[in-house]
Every structure is written in C-alpha cells, then in structure tokens.
Amino acid sequence: MCTVGGKITVMKHGQQSEAGKSNVANANSQEQQVYNPFMDFDEFQEEISEDYSNDYD
C-alpha cells in the first residue's frame, strides 16, 4: 500500500530502443518472417541498404 496518495506519472523511463540500418542488416530474415509474415523482409533489407543520398542533387 502506498503511503502517499495521488496519481504517479512516469514521464520518461530512460532507455529507448531504436532500430537502425545495422540492426536490419544483421537480422535473420527467416526469424523476422515468423514475427511479421505479411512483410517481405529480404526486400526490406535490400531497400534499406540502398543509397538515396544522390537523389536530391
């Protein structure tokens, strides 16, 4: 039982996870297919690895 009455709100808990290109490149596509069967993970890996930096020149 809490000795202090009122509502407790947690604004930020500290650690946050964010997937980057290296995470996608190192991921197992068969395992990802189990988690998300509607997504073609091999195609996603190819798309993420493409370099679009020259598209805006």
PDB file of N, CA and C in Angstrom:
ATOM      1  N   MET A   1       0.837  -1.170   0.000  1.00  0.00           N
ATOM      2  CA  MET A   1       0.000   0.000   0.000  1.00  0.00           C
ATOM      3  C   MET A   1       0.890   1.244   0.000  1.00  0.00           C
ATOM      4  N   CYS A   2       0.526   2.164  -0.807  1.00  0.00           N
ATOM      5  CA  CYS A   2       1.297   3.402  -0.943  1.00  0.00           C
ATOM      6  C   CYS A   2       0.917   4.354   0.193  1.00  0.00           C
ATOM      7  N   THR A   3       1.925   4.937   0.816  1.00  0.00           N
ATOM      8  CA  THR A   3       1.667   5.865   1.913  1.00  0.00           C
ATOM      9  C   THR A   3       1.359   7.271   1.429  1.00  0.00           C
ATOM     10  N   VAL A   4       1.685   7.553   0.169  1.00  0.00           N
ATOM     11  CA  VAL A   4       1.421   8.867  -0.401  1.00  0.00           C
ATOM     12  C   VAL A   4       0.249   8.738  -1.365  1.00  0.00           C
ATOM     13  N   GLY A   5      -0.787   9.491  -1.120  1.00  0.00           N
ATOM     14  CA  GLY A   5      -1.949   9.455  -2.007  1.00  0.00           C
ATOM     15  C   GLY A   5      -1.720  10.251  -3.268  1.00  0.00           C
ATOM     16  N   GLY A   6      -2.482   9.980  -4.271  1.00  0.00           N
ATOM     17  CA  GLY A   6      -2.376  10.734  -5.508  1.00  0.00           C
ATOM     18  C   GLY A   6      -1.956   9.853  -6.669  1.00  0.00           C
ATOM     19  N   LYS A   7      -1.822  10.483  -7.791  1.00  0.00           N
ATOM     20  CA  LYS A   7      -1.507   9.775  -9.025  1.00  0.00           C
ATOM     21  C   LYS A   7      -0.017   9.901  -9.323  1.00  0.00           C
ATOM     22  N   ILE A   8       0.628   8.804  -9.671  1.00  0.00           N
ATOM     23  CA  ILE A   8       2.041   8.799 -10.032  1.00  0.00           C
ATOM     24  C   ILE A   8       2.149   8.651 -11.544  1.00  0.00           C
ATOM     25  N   THR A   9       2.871   9.562 -12.175  1.00  0.00           N
ATOM     26  CA  THR A   9       3.050   9.542 -13.622  1.00  0.00           C
ATOM     27  C   THR A   9       4.539   9.463 -13.939  1.00  0.00           C
ATOM     28  N   VAL A  10       4.920   8.516 -14.779  1.00  0.00           N
ATOM     29  CA  VAL A  10       6.304   8.373 -15.210  1.00  0.00           C
ATOM     30  C   VAL A  10       6.425   9.046 -16.575  1.00  0.00           C
ATOM     31  N   MET A  11       7.200  10.113 -16.641  1.00  0.00           N
ATOM     32  CA  MET A  11       7.342  10.871 -17.883  1.00  0.00           C
ATOM     33  C   MET A  11       8.296  10.180 -18.855  1.00  0.00           C
ATOM     34  N   LYS A  12       9.488   9.873 -18.400  1.00  0.00           N
ATOM     35  CA  LYS A  12      10.472   9.181 -19.232  1.00  0.00           C
ATOM     36  C   LYS A  12      11.149   8.135 -18.373  1.00  0.00           C
ATOM     37  N   HIS A  13      11.369   6.979 -18.948  1.00  0.00           N
ATOM     38  CA  HIS A  13      11.974   5.912 -18.170  1.00  0.00           C
ATOM     39  C   HIS A  13      13.465   5.764 -18.433  1.00  0.00           C
ATOM     40  N   GLY A  14      14.009   6.490 -19.369  1.00  0.00           N
ATOM     41  CA  GLY A  14      15.454   6.458 -19.599  1.00  0.00           C
ATOM     42  C   GLY A  14      15.836   5.784 -20.909  1.00  0.00           C
ATOM     43  N   GLN A  15      15.840   4.473 -20.958  1.00  0.00           N
ATOM     44  CA  GLN A  15      16.313   3.767 -22.134  1.00  0.00           C
ATOM     45  C   GLN A  15      15.218   3.652 -23.184  1.00  0.00           C
ATOM     46  N   GLN A  16      15.606   3.876 -24.420  1.00  0.00           N
ATOM     47  CA  GLN A  16      14.691   3.704 -25.544  1.00  0.00           C
ATOM     48  C   GLN A  16      15.434   2.963 -26.645  1.00  0.00           C
ATOM     49  N   SER A  17      14.745   2.068 -27.288  1.00  0.00           N
ATOM     50  CA  SER A  17      15.346   1.262 -28.338  1.00  0.00           C
ATOM     51  C   SER A  17      14.947   1.810 -29.700  1.00  0.00           C
ATOM     52  N   GLU A  18      15.889   1.824 -30.613  1.00  0.00           N
ATOM     53  CA  GLU A  18      15.609   2.287 -31.965  1.00  0.00           C
ATOM     54  C   GLU A  18      16.404   1.427 -32.948  1.00  0.00           C
ATOM     55  N   ALA A  19      15.730   0.869 -33.914  1.00  0.00           N
ATOM     56  CA  ALA A  19      16.388   0.014 -34.900  1.00  0.00           C
ATOM     57  C   ALA A  19      17.043   0.870 -35.981  1.00  0.00           C
ATOM     58  N   GLY A  20      18.267   0.526 -36.324  1.00  0.00           N
ATOM     59  CA  GLY A  20      18.994   1.238 -37.365  1.00  0.00           C
ATOM     60  C   GLY A  20      19.321   0.312 -38.526  1.00  0.00           C
ATOM     61  N   LYS A  21      20.058   0.829 -39.487  1.00  0.00           N
ATOM     62  CA  LYS A  21      20.419   0.049 -40.675  1.00  0.00           C
ATOM     63  C   LYS A  21      21.240  -1.186 -40.318  1.00  0.00           C
ATOM     64  N   SER A  22      22.139  -1.063 -39.367  1.00  0.00           N
ATOM     65  CA  SER A  22      22.971  -2.216 -38.995  1.00  0.00           C
ATOM     66  C   SER A  22      22.127  -3.307 -38.346  1.00  0.00           C
ATOM     67  N   ASN A  23      21.094  -2.931 -37.590  1.00  0.00           N
ATOM     68  CA  ASN A  23      20.205  -3.924 -36.996  1.00  0.00           C
ATOM     69  C   ASN A  23      19.448  -4.689 -38.078  1.00  0.00           C
ATOM     70  N   VAL A  24      18.999  -3.981 -39.099  1.00  0.00           N
ATOM     71  CA  VAL A  24      18.270  -4.618 -40.201  1.00  0.00           C
ATOM     72  C   VAL A  24      19.200  -5.525 -40.988  1.00  0.00           C
ATOM     73  N   ALA A  25      20.419  -5.069 -41.230  1.00  0.00           N
ATOM     74  CA  ALA A  25      21.384  -5.861 -41.999  1.00  0.00           C
ATOM     75  C   ALA A  25      21.760  -7.148 -41.275  1.00  0.00           C
ATOM     76  N   ASN A  26      21.820  -7.111 -39.944  1.00  0.00           N
ATOM     77  CA  ASN A  26      22.227  -8.280 -39.165  1.00  0.00           C
ATOM     78  C   ASN A  26      21.072  -9.192 -38.791  1.00  0.00           C
ATOM     79  N   ALA A  27      19.857  -8.797 -39.079  1.00  0.00           N
ATOM     80  CA  ALA A  27      18.685  -9.584 -38.682  1.00  0.00           C
ATOM     81  C   ALA A  27      18.515 -10.805 -39.579  1.00  0.00           C
ATOM     82  N   ASN A  28      18.012 -11.864 -38.998  1.00  0.00           N
ATOM     83  CA  ASN A  28      17.736 -13.107 -39.713  1.00  0.00           C
ATOM     84  C   ASN A  28      16.365 -12.982 -40.383  1.00  0.00           C
ATOM     85  N   SER A  29      16.320 -13.051 -41.708  1.00  0.00           N
ATOM     86  CA  SER A  29      15.065 -12.834 -42.428  1.00  0.00           C
ATOM     87  C   SER A  29      14.043 -13.937 -42.147  1.00  0.00           C
ATOM     88  N   GLN A  30      14.490 -15.170 -41.923  1.00  0.00           N
ATOM     89  CA  GLN A  30      13.542 -16.245 -41.603  1.00  0.00           C
ATOM     90  C   GLN A  30      12.884 -16.015 -40.246  1.00  0.00           C
ATOM     91  N   GLU A  31      13.662 -15.554 -39.299  1.00  0.00           N
ATOM     92  CA  GLU A  31      13.107 -15.262 -37.974  1.00  0.00           C
ATOM     93  C   GLU A  31      12.137 -14.078 -38.047  1.00  0.00           C
ATOM     94  N   GLN A  32      12.484 -13.074 -38.820  1.00  0.00           N
ATOM     95  CA  GLN A  32      11.606 -11.916 -38.961  1.00  0.00           C
ATOM     96  C   GLN A  32      10.298 -12.291 -39.653  1.00  0.00           C
ATOM     97  N   GLN A  33      10.354 -13.272 -40.546  1.00  0.00           N
ATOM     98  CA  GLN A  33       9.150 -13.747 -41.230  1.00  0.00           C
ATOM     99  C   GLN A  33       8.160 -14.356 -40.231  1.00  0.00           C
ATOM    100  N   VAL A  34       8.676 -14.967 -39.161  1.00  0.00           N
ATOM    101  CA  VAL A  34       7.815 -15.528 -38.120  1.00  0.00           C
ATOM    102  C   VAL A  34       7.106 -14.408 -37.368  1.00  0.00           C
ATOM    103  N   TYR A  35       7.835 -13.336 -37.055  1.00  0.00           N
ATOM    104  CA  TYR A  35       7.265 -12.219 -36.296  1.00  0.00           C
ATOM    105  C   TYR A  35       6.278 -11.414 -37.132  1.00  0.00           C
ATOM    106  N   ASN A  36       6.564 -11.230 -38.410  1.00  0.00           N
ATOM    107  CA  ASN A  36       5.713 -10.427 -39.280  1.00  0.00           C
ATOM    108  C   ASN A  36       5.582 -11.120 -40.642  1.00  0.00           C
ATOM    109  N   PRO A  37       4.640 -12.054 -40.758  1.00  0.00           N
ATOM    110  CA  PRO A  37       4.522 -12.833 -42.003  1.00  0.00           C
ATOM    111  C   PRO A  37       4.029 -12.025 -43.205  1.00  0.00           C
ATOM    112  N   PHE A  38       3.515 -10.828 -42.995  1.00  0.00           N
ATOM    113  CA  PHE A  38       2.991 -10.031 -44.107  1.00  0.00           C
ATOM    114  C   PHE A  38       4.063  -9.185 -44.785  1.00  0.00           C
ATOM    115  N   MET A  39       5.242  -9.178 -44.227  1.00  0.00           N
ATOM    116  CA  MET A  39       6.320  -8.344 -44.753  1.00  0.00           C
ATOM    117  C   MET A  39       7.387  -9.211 -45.400  1.00  0.00           C
ATOM    118  N   ASP A  40       7.843  -8.804 -46.579  1.00  0.00           N
ATOM    119  CA  ASP A  40       8.964  -9.476 -47.243  1.00  0.00           C
ATOM    120  C   ASP A  40      10.250  -8.849 -46.712  1.00  0.00           C
ATOM    121  N   PHE A  41      10.856  -9.491 -45.712  1.00  0.00           N
ATOM    122  CA  PHE A  41      11.999  -8.898 -45.021  1.00  0.00           C
ATOM    123  C   PHE A  41      13.234  -8.841 -45.908  1.00  0.00           C
ATOM    124  N   ASP A  42      13.412  -9.797 -46.813  1.00  0.00           N
ATOM    125  CA  ASP A  42      14.552  -9.752 -47.742  1.00  0.00           C
ATOM    126  C   ASP A  42      14.474  -8.499 -48.611  1.00  0.00           C
ATOM    127  N   GLU A  43      13.288  -8.200 -49.100  1.00  0.00           N
ATOM    128  CA  GLU A  43      13.088  -6.999 -49.913  1.00  0.00           C
ATOM    129  C   GLU A  43      13.338  -5.736 -49.070  1.00  0.00           C
ATOM    130  N   PHE A  44      12.884  -5.759 -47.827  1.00  0.00           N
ATOM    131  CA  PHE A  44      13.091  -4.624 -46.922  1.00  0.00           C
ATOM    132  C   PHE A  44      14.578  -4.399 -46.663  1.00  0.00           C
ATOM    133  N   GLN A  45      15.347  -5.482 -46.474  1.00  0.00           N
ATOM    134  CA  GLN A  45      16.784  -5.350 -46.261  1.00  0.00           C
ATOM    135  C   GLN A  45      17.461  -4.716 -47.474  1.00  0.00           C
ATOM    136  N   GLU A  46      17.052  -5.116 -48.668  1.00  0.00           N
ATOM    137  CA  GLU A  46      17.625  -4.537 -49.890  1.00  0.00           C
ATOM    138  C   GLU A  46      17.279  -3.056 -49.995  1.00  0.00           C
ATOM    139  N   GLU A  47      16.035  -2.725 -49.680  1.00  0.00           N
ATOM    140  CA  GLU A  47      15.590  -1.340 -49.767  1.00  0.00           C
ATOM    141  C   GLU A  47      16.321  -0.448 -48.765  1.00  0.00           C
ATOM    142  N   ILE A  48      16.535  -0.942 -47.572  1.00  0.00           N
ATOM    143  CA  ILE A  48      17.219  -0.167 -46.539  1.00  0.00           C
ATOM    144  C   ILE A  48      18.692   0.038 -46.888  1.00  0.00           C
ATOM    145  N   SER A  49      19.305  -0.942 -47.538  1.00  0.00           N
ATOM    146  CA  SER A  49      20.733  -0.847 -47.843  1.00  0.00           C
ATOM    147  C   SER A  49      21.033   0.053 -49.044  1.00  0.00           C
ATOM    148  N   GLU A  50      20.012   0.442 -49.803  1.00  0.00           N
ATOM    149  CA  GLU A  50      20.233   1.307 -50.958  1.00  0.00           C
ATOM    150  C   GLU A  50      20.641   2.709 -50.502  1.00  0.00           C
ATOM    151  N   ASP A  51      21.437   3.357 -51.323  1.00  0.00           N
ATOM    152  CA  ASP A  51      21.918   4.706 -51.028  1.00  0.00           C
ATOM    153  C   ASP A  51      21.105   5.717 -51.833  1.00  0.00           C
ATOM    154  N   TYR A  52      20.331   6.527 -51.142  1.00  0.00           N
ATOM    155  CA  TYR A  52      19.500   7.528 -51.788  1.00  0.00           C
ATOM    156  C   TYR A  52      20.077   8.929 -51.659  1.00  0.00           C
ATOM    157  N   SER A  53      21.329   9.042 -51.248  1.00  0.00           N
ATOM    158  CA  SER A  53      21.906  10.368 -50.986  1.00  0.00           C
ATOM    159  C   SER A  53      22.040  11.213 -52.245  1.00  0.00           C
ATOM    160  N   ASN A  54      22.157  10.590 -53.412  1.00  0.00           N
ATOM    161  CA  ASN A  54      22.313  11.358 -54.654  1.00  0.00           C
ATOM    162  C   ASN A  54      20.989  11.727 -55.309  1.00  0.00           C
ATOM    163  N   ASP A  55      19.873  11.286 -54.737  1.00  0.00           N
ATOM    164  CA  ASP A  55      18.560  11.570 -55.327  1.00  0.00           C
ATOM    165  C   ASP A  55      18.164  13.032 -55.232  1.00  0.00           C
ATOM    166  N   TYR A  56      18.767  13.774 -54.336  1.00  0.00           N
ATOM    167  CA  TYR A  56      18.359  15.154 -54.103  1.00  0.00           C
ATOM    168  C   TYR A  56      19.388  16.163 -54.569  1.00  0.00           C
ATOM    169  N   ASP A  57      20.276  15.764 -55.476  1.00  0.00           N
ATOM    170  CA  ASP A  57      21.280  16.692 -56.004  1.00  0.00           C
ATOM    171  C   ASP A  57      20.719  17.531 -57.112  1.00  0.00           C
TER     172      ASP A  57
END
